[in-house]
Protein backbone atom coordinates (compact mmCIF):
# COMPACT_ATOMS: atom_id res chain seq x y z
CA MET A 1 -0.49 142.72 -30.99
CA ARG A 2 -0.03 146.12 -29.80
CA ARG A 3 -0.86 148.00 -32.91
CA VAL A 4 -3.83 146.03 -33.31
CA LEU A 5 -5.01 147.11 -29.85
CA GLY A 6 -4.11 150.32 -30.37
CA LEU A 7 -5.99 150.94 -33.56
CA THR A 8 -9.28 149.76 -32.12
CA LEU A 9 -9.07 151.37 -29.20
CA ALA A 10 -8.71 154.83 -31.20
CA LEU A 11 -11.44 153.46 -33.86
CA GLY A 12 -14.13 153.15 -30.85
CA LEU A 13 -13.29 156.30 -28.81
CA PHE A 14 -14.05 158.34 -32.18
CA MET A 15 -17.49 156.08 -32.26
CA PRO A 16 -20.74 158.03 -31.65
CA ALA A 17 -21.59 157.17 -28.14
CA GLY A 18 -24.27 154.64 -27.67
CA VAL A 19 -27.91 155.87 -26.36
CA SER A 20 -29.13 152.73 -25.24
CA ALA A 21 -29.60 152.21 -21.50
CA GLN A 22 -28.08 148.87 -21.30
CA ALA A 23 -26.85 147.82 -17.73
CA LEU A 24 -22.92 147.75 -18.30
CA TRP A 25 -20.43 145.07 -16.26
CA ASP A 26 -17.64 146.81 -17.92
CA SER A 27 -17.34 150.13 -16.59
CA PRO A 28 -15.72 151.14 -14.50
CA SER A 29 -13.52 148.32 -15.62
CA PHE A 30 -11.80 148.49 -11.94
CA MET A 31 -8.92 146.56 -14.55
CA ALA A 32 -4.68 147.58 -14.08
CA PRO A 33 -1.71 145.64 -13.75
CA GLY A 34 -1.70 144.79 -10.06
CA ALA A 35 -5.72 144.80 -9.81
CA PRO A 36 -5.59 143.32 -6.55
CA SER A 37 -6.86 139.37 -5.71
CA GLY A 38 -9.52 138.62 -3.65
CA LEU A 39 -12.94 140.02 -3.64
CA THR A 40 -13.75 144.05 -4.57
CA MET A 41 -17.35 145.52 -3.68
CA ALA A 42 -18.01 148.66 -5.51
CA LEU A 43 -20.89 150.77 -6.04
CA THR A 44 -21.38 152.59 -9.44
CA ASP A 45 -23.27 154.60 -11.56
CA SER A 46 -23.53 154.53 -15.04
CA ASP A 47 -24.83 156.77 -17.69
CA PRO A 48 -27.14 156.93 -20.12
CA ALA A 49 -30.31 156.63 -17.75
CA ASP A 50 -28.27 157.12 -14.64
CA GLN A 51 -28.36 153.82 -13.38
CA LEU A 52 -27.52 153.09 -9.53
CA GLY A 53 -25.36 149.41 -9.21
CA PHE A 54 -23.80 147.39 -7.48
CA ILE A 55 -20.91 144.97 -8.41
CA GLY A 56 -18.74 142.29 -6.89
CA ILE A 57 -15.27 141.29 -8.80
CA TRP A 58 -13.40 137.86 -7.42
CA ARG A 59 -9.92 137.44 -8.73
CA ARG A 60 -7.54 134.62 -7.32
CA ALA A 61 -4.57 136.55 -8.20
CA PRO A 62 -3.67 140.37 -9.21
CA ALA A 63 -3.94 141.52 -13.03
CA PRO A 64 -2.92 139.82 -15.21
CA VAL A 65 -2.37 136.13 -13.91
CA GLY A 66 -5.76 134.40 -14.02
CA VAL A 67 -8.96 135.78 -14.49
CA GLY A 68 -11.83 137.62 -13.50
CA PHE A 69 -15.39 136.96 -12.08
CA ARG A 70 -18.42 139.70 -12.29
CA ALA A 71 -21.79 140.03 -11.04
CA GLY A 72 -24.24 142.57 -9.42
CA ILE A 73 -27.18 144.24 -10.21
CA SER A 74 -28.15 147.60 -11.74
CA GLU A 75 -31.21 150.01 -11.94
CA ALA A 76 -33.60 149.42 -15.24
CA PRO A 77 -36.65 151.55 -16.23
CA GLY A 78 -39.87 151.06 -14.54
CA ASP A 79 -38.18 150.86 -11.42
CA ASN A 80 -36.73 147.03 -12.18
CA LEU A 81 -33.66 145.77 -11.84
CA ARG A 82 -31.04 143.62 -14.24
CA GLY A 83 -28.12 140.88 -12.82
CA LEU A 84 -24.68 141.86 -14.27
CA PHE A 85 -22.47 138.73 -14.98
CA GLY A 86 -19.14 138.76 -17.10
CA ILE A 87 -15.82 137.07 -16.89
CA ASP A 88 -12.06 139.37 -17.71
CA VAL A 89 -8.80 137.78 -19.03
CA SER A 90 -5.40 139.96 -19.49
CA GLY A 91 -1.99 139.73 -20.29
CA SER A 92 1.17 141.26 -19.32
CA LEU A 93 2.36 144.17 -22.42
CA ALA A 94 5.46 145.60 -20.78
CA SER A 95 7.08 146.51 -17.84
CA PHE A 96 8.81 149.88 -17.54
CA GLU A 97 11.93 151.66 -16.00
CA GLY A 98 11.58 154.40 -13.99
CA ALA A 99 9.87 155.60 -10.51
CA GLY A 100 6.31 153.80 -9.86
CA ASN A 101 7.54 150.60 -11.37
CA PRO A 102 4.76 151.61 -14.83
CA ALA A 103 3.66 148.60 -16.41
CA ALA A 104 1.15 148.36 -19.51
CA LEU A 105 -1.37 145.17 -19.94
CA TRP A 106 -4.31 143.86 -22.36
CA TRP A 107 -7.44 142.84 -21.28
CA THR A 108 -10.75 141.32 -22.80
CA GLY A 109 -13.41 139.30 -21.42
CA ALA A 110 -17.48 138.82 -22.04
CA GLY A 111 -20.41 139.75 -20.18
CA VAL A 112 -24.18 139.93 -20.07
CA GLY A 113 -27.17 142.21 -18.44
CA VAL A 114 -30.12 140.09 -17.99
CA GLY A 115 -33.29 141.62 -17.16
CA ASP A 116 -36.63 142.56 -19.34
CA TYR A 117 -34.14 142.06 -22.30
CA PHE A 118 -30.92 140.95 -22.89
CA THR A 119 -27.33 142.66 -23.49
CA ALA A 120 -24.00 140.96 -24.70
CA SER A 121 -21.18 143.03 -24.68
CA PHE A 122 -17.32 142.25 -25.27
CA PRO A 123 -14.43 144.92 -24.22
CA LEU A 124 -11.00 145.17 -25.37
CA GLY A 125 -8.50 147.42 -24.04
CA LEU A 126 -4.97 148.62 -22.90
CA VAL A 127 -4.17 149.94 -19.31
CA PHE A 128 -1.31 151.87 -18.12
CA GLY A 129 -0.58 151.69 -14.52
CA TRP A 130 1.90 152.59 -11.86
CA THR A 131 2.40 152.11 -7.93
CA GLY A 132 4.08 154.38 -4.94
CA THR A 133 4.03 154.90 -1.83
CA ASP A 134 3.66 157.39 1.21
CA GLY A 135 4.45 156.15 4.45
CA GLN A 136 1.47 153.01 5.20
CA VAL A 137 -0.42 154.15 1.94
CA SER A 138 0.27 152.89 -1.11
CA PHE A 139 -0.93 154.72 -4.51
CA MET A 140 -2.08 153.14 -7.89
CA PRO A 141 -3.19 155.03 -10.15
CA TYR A 142 -3.84 153.76 -14.12
CA VAL A 143 -5.03 154.91 -17.43
CA GLY A 144 -6.31 153.32 -20.29
CA GLY A 145 -9.32 152.42 -22.60
CA HIS A 146 -11.36 150.07 -24.05
CA VAL A 147 -13.70 149.30 -26.67
CA VAL A 148 -16.60 147.18 -26.47
CA LEU A 149 -19.06 145.59 -28.90
CA ASP A 150 -22.49 145.05 -27.68
CA VAL A 151 -25.60 142.93 -29.00
CA LEU A 152 -28.75 144.39 -27.94
CA THR A 153 -32.04 142.73 -27.73
CA GLU A 154 -34.02 145.94 -26.68
CA GLY A 155 -37.09 145.79 -29.38
CA GLN A 156 -34.89 144.38 -32.19
CA ASP A 157 -31.55 142.72 -32.18
CA ASP A 158 -28.84 145.71 -32.76
CA LEU A 159 -24.95 146.26 -32.63
CA GLU A 160 -22.92 148.54 -31.21
CA LEU A 161 -19.79 149.69 -30.86
CA ASN A 162 -18.44 151.91 -28.35
CA GLY A 163 -15.24 153.78 -26.71
CA VAL A 164 -14.24 154.43 -23.26
CA LEU A 165 -11.48 156.01 -21.42
CA ASP A 166 -10.80 153.98 -18.36
CA LEU A 167 -9.30 155.87 -15.26
CA GLY A 168 -9.03 154.57 -11.45
CA LEU A 169 -7.06 154.93 -8.19
CA ASP A 170 -6.58 152.22 -6.24
CA LEU A 171 -5.23 153.10 -2.31
CA GLY A 172 -3.88 150.28 -0.43
CA PHE A 173 -3.56 150.48 3.84
CA SER A 174 -1.58 148.33 6.07
CA SER A 175 -4.09 146.42 7.18
CA GLY A 176 -5.06 144.89 4.15
CA TRP A 177 -7.81 146.67 3.05
CA ILE A 178 -7.51 148.83 -0.67
CA VAL A 179 -10.03 151.63 -1.16
CA ARG A 180 -11.19 151.51 -5.16
CA PHE A 181 -12.12 154.71 -7.22
CA GLY A 182 -13.47 153.84 -11.19
CA ALA A 183 -14.48 156.16 -14.23
CA GLY A 184 -15.44 155.08 -17.32
CA VAL A 185 -15.88 158.10 -20.27
CA GLY A 186 -17.32 157.59 -23.19
CA GLY A 187 -19.96 155.31 -24.45
CA HIS A 188 -20.01 153.75 -21.16
CA GLU A 189 -19.83 156.21 -19.05
CA SER A 190 -19.73 155.83 -15.59
CA LEU A 191 -18.17 156.02 -11.90
CA GLY A 192 -17.65 154.07 -9.25
CA ILE A 193 -16.15 153.41 -5.71
CA GLY A 194 -15.71 150.41 -3.52
CA PHE A 195 -13.13 148.24 -1.40
CA ARG A 196 -11.44 145.12 -1.90
CA ILE A 197 -11.81 142.84 1.72
CA PRO A 198 -8.20 141.73 3.22
CA THR A 199 -7.69 138.27 2.66
CA ALA A 200 -5.10 136.01 4.58
CA GLY A 201 -2.06 137.25 2.72
CA ARG A 202 -3.66 140.48 2.36
């Protein structure tokens, strides 16, 4: 499984970047070992087309347990808006000995962008993450990548395969708030910043 995922990712990262202005639900991925449960709300800026957007992510349990649900809106050409909907699932690949409790997971999912036209996207990725603390602040950086198959209906049906390098950092505070930074580099280029709202169990 790891070899198949690694080969798929390597091929996707060398594919030409897509030029469609589709709305992105999978980038930034905000996906890492221990991605927090509860509600994450984030502002995003996606290329191509410099689209500003907002997305909410709900998880019942930290990744890779359970399922993540995503919904949001994004700018579209002509002062229009598009709806974003997605679902992700993941599984543990490995936990390593060493400082920071490094771990790896795989993830996949399916989602759509709905507006003047319809886009369906199907990602498959790998992520490596670490944890650390400094006083009352926890640091959870991660790096990985995913390939995504986009099914486009802009003008005529088309398929695109894009590779994305995923980067991110979650900062957790004793209050239960988690500030989340994410970026995607490649076919689904994006930046995002948001926060996880504290839950009863933090």
